[in-house]
C-alpha atoms as a PDB file:
ATOM      1  CA  MET A   1     -33.769  29.551 -28.597  1.00  0.00           C
ATOM      2  CA  ASP A   2     -37.037  27.604 -28.693  1.00  0.00           C
ATOM      3  CA  GLU A   3     -36.285  26.570 -32.280  1.00  0.00           C
ATOM      4  CA  GLY A   4     -33.269  24.692 -30.944  1.00  0.00           C
ATOM      5  CA  ARG A   5     -30.594  26.661 -32.825  1.00  0.00           C
ATOM      6  CA  VAL A   6     -29.012  28.061 -29.667  1.00  0.00           C
ATOM      7  CA  ARG A   7     -28.295  25.811 -26.735  1.00  0.00           C
ATOM      8  CA  ALA A   8     -28.261  27.358 -23.292  1.00  0.00           C
ATOM      9  CA  VAL A   9     -27.898  25.899 -19.828  1.00  0.00           C
ATOM     10  CA  THR A  10     -28.965  27.319 -16.481  1.00  0.00           C
ATOM     11  CA  SER A  11     -29.550  25.969 -13.006  1.00  0.00           C
ATOM     12  CA  ALA A  12     -32.964  25.652 -11.404  1.00  0.00           C
ATOM     13  CA  LEU A  13     -31.964  28.705  -9.356  1.00  0.00           C
ATOM     14  CA  THR A  14     -33.045  30.737 -12.406  1.00  0.00           C
ATOM     15  CA  LEU A  15     -36.597  29.468 -11.932  1.00  0.00           C
ATOM     16  CA  LEU A  16     -36.581  30.722  -8.337  1.00  0.00           C
ATOM     17  CA  GLU A  17     -35.199  34.115  -9.360  1.00  0.00           C
ATOM     18  CA  THR A  18     -37.636  34.674 -12.237  1.00  0.00           C
ATOM     19  CA  LEU A  19     -40.725  33.731 -10.220  1.00  0.00           C
ATOM     20  CA  VAL A  20     -40.171  36.221  -7.375  1.00  0.00           C
ATOM     21  CA  VAL A  21     -41.674  39.315  -9.050  1.00  0.00           C
ATOM     22  CA  PRO A  22     -44.728  37.569 -10.548  1.00  0.00           C
ATOM     23  CA  TYR A  23     -45.464  35.979  -7.155  1.00  0.00           C
ATOM     24  CA  ARG A  24     -44.901  39.301  -5.367  1.00  0.00           C
ATOM     25  CA  ASN A  25     -47.431  40.862  -7.758  1.00  0.00           C
ATOM     26  CA  THR A  26     -49.752  37.849  -7.406  1.00  0.00           C
ATOM     27  CA  ASP A  27     -49.520  37.326 -11.167  1.00  0.00           C
ATOM     28  CA  VAL A  28     -49.855  33.547 -11.249  1.00  0.00           C
ATOM     29  CA  SER A  29     -50.392  33.564 -15.007  1.00  0.00           C
ATOM     30  CA  LEU A  30     -47.050  35.277 -15.644  1.00  0.00           C
ATOM     31  CA  ALA A  31     -45.329  32.917 -13.204  1.00  0.00           C
ATOM     32  CA  ALA A  32     -46.756  29.956 -15.123  1.00  0.00           C
ATOM     33  CA  ARG A  33     -45.541  31.395 -18.447  1.00  0.00           C
ATOM     34  CA  TYR A  34     -42.038  31.943 -17.051  1.00  0.00           C
ATOM     35  CA  GLU A  35     -41.940  28.412 -15.680  1.00  0.00           C
ATOM     36  CA  LYS A  36     -43.130  26.974 -18.983  1.00  0.00           C
ATOM     37  CA  LEU A  37     -40.485  28.956 -20.877  1.00  0.00           C
ATOM     38  CA  LEU A  38     -37.705  27.744 -18.572  1.00  0.00           C
ATOM     39  CA  THR A  39     -38.819  24.114 -18.455  1.00  0.00           C
ATOM     40  CA  GLU A  40     -40.141  23.491 -21.969  1.00  0.00           C
ATOM     41  CA  SER A  41     -37.911  25.502 -24.329  1.00  0.00           C
ATOM     42  CA  ARG A  42     -36.041  23.133 -26.638  1.00  0.00           C
ATOM     43  CA  GLY A  43     -32.833  25.146 -26.630  1.00  0.00           C
ATOM     44  CA  LEU A  44     -32.666  25.536 -22.854  1.00  0.00           C
ATOM     45  CA  GLN A  45     -31.521  22.879 -20.414  1.00  0.00           C
ATOM     46  CA  LEU A  46     -32.560  23.506 -16.815  1.00  0.00           C
ATOM     47  CA  ILE A  47     -30.096  21.706 -14.526  1.00  0.00           C
ATOM     48  CA  GLU A  48     -31.663  20.555 -11.264  1.00  0.00           C
ATOM     49  CA  ILE A  49     -29.932  21.435  -8.007  1.00  0.00           C
ATOM     50  CA  ASP A  50     -28.888  18.039  -6.688  1.00  0.00           C
ATOM     51  CA  ARG A  51     -25.985  16.778  -4.589  1.00  0.00           C
ATOM     52  CA  PRO A  52     -23.488  16.423  -7.456  1.00  0.00           C
ATOM     53  CA  LEU A  53     -24.202  20.019  -8.519  1.00  0.00           C
ATOM     54  CA  LEU A  54     -23.887  21.220  -4.924  1.00  0.00           C
ATOM     55  CA  ARG A  55     -20.524  19.449  -4.515  1.00  0.00           C
ATOM     56  CA  HIS A  56     -19.255  20.968  -7.761  1.00  0.00           C
ATOM     57  CA  ALA A  57     -20.454  24.420  -6.678  1.00  0.00           C
ATOM     58  CA  ALA A  58     -18.765  23.997  -3.283  1.00  0.00           C
ATOM     59  CA  GLN A  59     -15.480  23.172  -5.026  1.00  0.00           C
ATOM     60  CA  LEU A  60     -15.808  26.325  -7.140  1.00  0.00           C
ATOM     61  CA  ARG A  61     -16.462  28.410  -4.025  1.00  0.00           C
ATOM     62  CA  ALA A  62     -13.457  26.852  -2.279  1.00  0.00           C
ATOM     63  CA  VAL A  63     -11.060  27.373  -5.186  1.00  0.00           C
ATOM     64  CA  ALA A  64     -12.277  30.617  -6.765  1.00  0.00           C
ATOM     65  CA  GLY A  65     -14.115  32.276  -3.887  1.00  0.00           C
ATOM     66  CA  VAL A  66     -17.247  32.961  -5.940  1.00  0.00           C
ATOM     67  CA  LYS A  67     -20.594  33.549  -4.252  1.00  0.00           C
ATOM     68  CA  THR A  68     -23.064  30.681  -3.899  1.00  0.00           C
ATOM     69  CA  PRO A  69     -25.497  31.762  -6.681  1.00  0.00           C
ATOM     70  CA  ASP A  70     -22.585  32.229  -9.105  1.00  0.00           C
ATOM     71  CA  ALA A  71     -21.092  28.893  -8.067  1.00  0.00           C
ATOM     72  CA  LEU A  72     -24.420  27.137  -8.703  1.00  0.00           C
ATOM     73  CA  GLN A  73     -24.795  28.707 -12.154  1.00  0.00           C
ATOM     74  CA  LEU A  74     -21.152  28.038 -13.084  1.00  0.00           C
ATOM     75  CA  ALA A  75     -21.387  24.422 -11.934  1.00  0.00           C
ATOM     76  CA  ALA A  76     -24.610  23.982 -13.932  1.00  0.00           C
ATOM     77  CA  GLY A  77     -22.872  25.355 -17.011  1.00  0.00           C
ATOM     78  CA  MET A  78     -19.932  23.014 -16.572  1.00  0.00           C
ATOM     79  CA  ILE A  79     -22.160  19.989 -15.973  1.00  0.00           C
ATOM     80  CA  GLY A  80     -24.205  20.995 -19.030  1.00  0.00           C
ATOM     81  CA  GLY A  81     -21.083  21.135 -21.211  1.00  0.00           C
ATOM     82  CA  CYS A  82     -20.987  24.904 -21.763  1.00  0.00           C
ATOM     83  CA  LYS A  83     -17.944  26.645 -23.170  1.00  0.00           C
ATOM     84  CA  VAL A  84     -19.137  30.233 -22.515  1.00  0.00           C
ATOM     85  CA  PHE A  85     -20.710  31.783 -19.416  1.00  0.00           C
ATOM     86  CA  LEU A  86     -22.767  34.982 -19.883  1.00  0.00           C
ATOM     87  CA  THR A  87     -23.014  37.350 -16.928  1.00  0.00           C
ATOM     88  CA  HIS A  88     -23.471  40.968 -15.876  1.00  0.00           C
ATOM     89  CA  ASP A  89     -20.882  40.476 -13.117  1.00  0.00           C
ATOM     90  CA  ARG A  90     -17.753  42.349 -14.195  1.00  0.00           C
ATOM     91  CA  LYS A  91     -15.698  40.779 -11.397  1.00  0.00           C
ATOM     92  CA  LEU A  92     -16.342  37.131 -12.261  1.00  0.00           C
ATOM     93  CA  PRO A  93     -13.072  35.548 -13.419  1.00  0.00           C
ATOM     94  CA  PRO A  94     -12.773  32.748 -15.998  1.00  0.00           C
ATOM     95  CA  ILE A  95     -13.303  29.508 -14.092  1.00  0.00           C
ATOM     96  CA  GLY A  96     -12.877  25.850 -14.942  1.00  0.00           C
ATOM     97  CA  GLY A  97     -12.321  26.342 -18.641  1.00  0.00           C
ATOM     98  CA  LEU A  98     -15.432  28.493 -19.119  1.00  0.00           C
ATOM     99  CA  HIS A  99     -14.934  31.656 -21.133  1.00  0.00           C
ATOM    100  CA  VAL A 100     -16.731  34.391 -19.161  1.00  0.00           C
ATOM    101  CA  LEU A 101     -18.427  37.099 -21.242  1.00  0.00           C
ATOM    102  CA  GLN A 102     -19.580  40.198 -19.389  1.00  0.00           C
ATOM    103  CA  LEU A 103     -22.704  41.372 -21.193  1.00  0.00           C
ATOM    104  CA  GLY A 104     -22.113  44.994 -20.173  1.00  0.00           C
ATOM    105  CA  SER A 105     -19.032  45.030 -22.389  1.00  0.00           C
ATOM    106  CA  TYR A 106     -21.248  44.443 -25.421  1.00  0.00           C
ATOM    107  CA  LEU A 107     -24.158  46.773 -24.625  1.00  0.00           C
END
């Protein structure tokens, strides 16, 4: 991904989620590496959680009934121009034109 061949989008929520274990283990070095990977990889766009994203996520929750973290990630994907949404959630339906791929189906 860092070579720019694959383009991926995620919300800043991913940064929060990936930093929990390194911080719990007081591994500041690992936390810094994770943050650098998420914020400086050429093929990865980290979408900030701002009001437009929150409004979009709220609309997704209202229409599709998805949980807040899923709504944030889906909205980030849509704002970032994604066509495919990768997830482990087998219950997540296709939403807003995104093709949902459940990774468990391919493992």
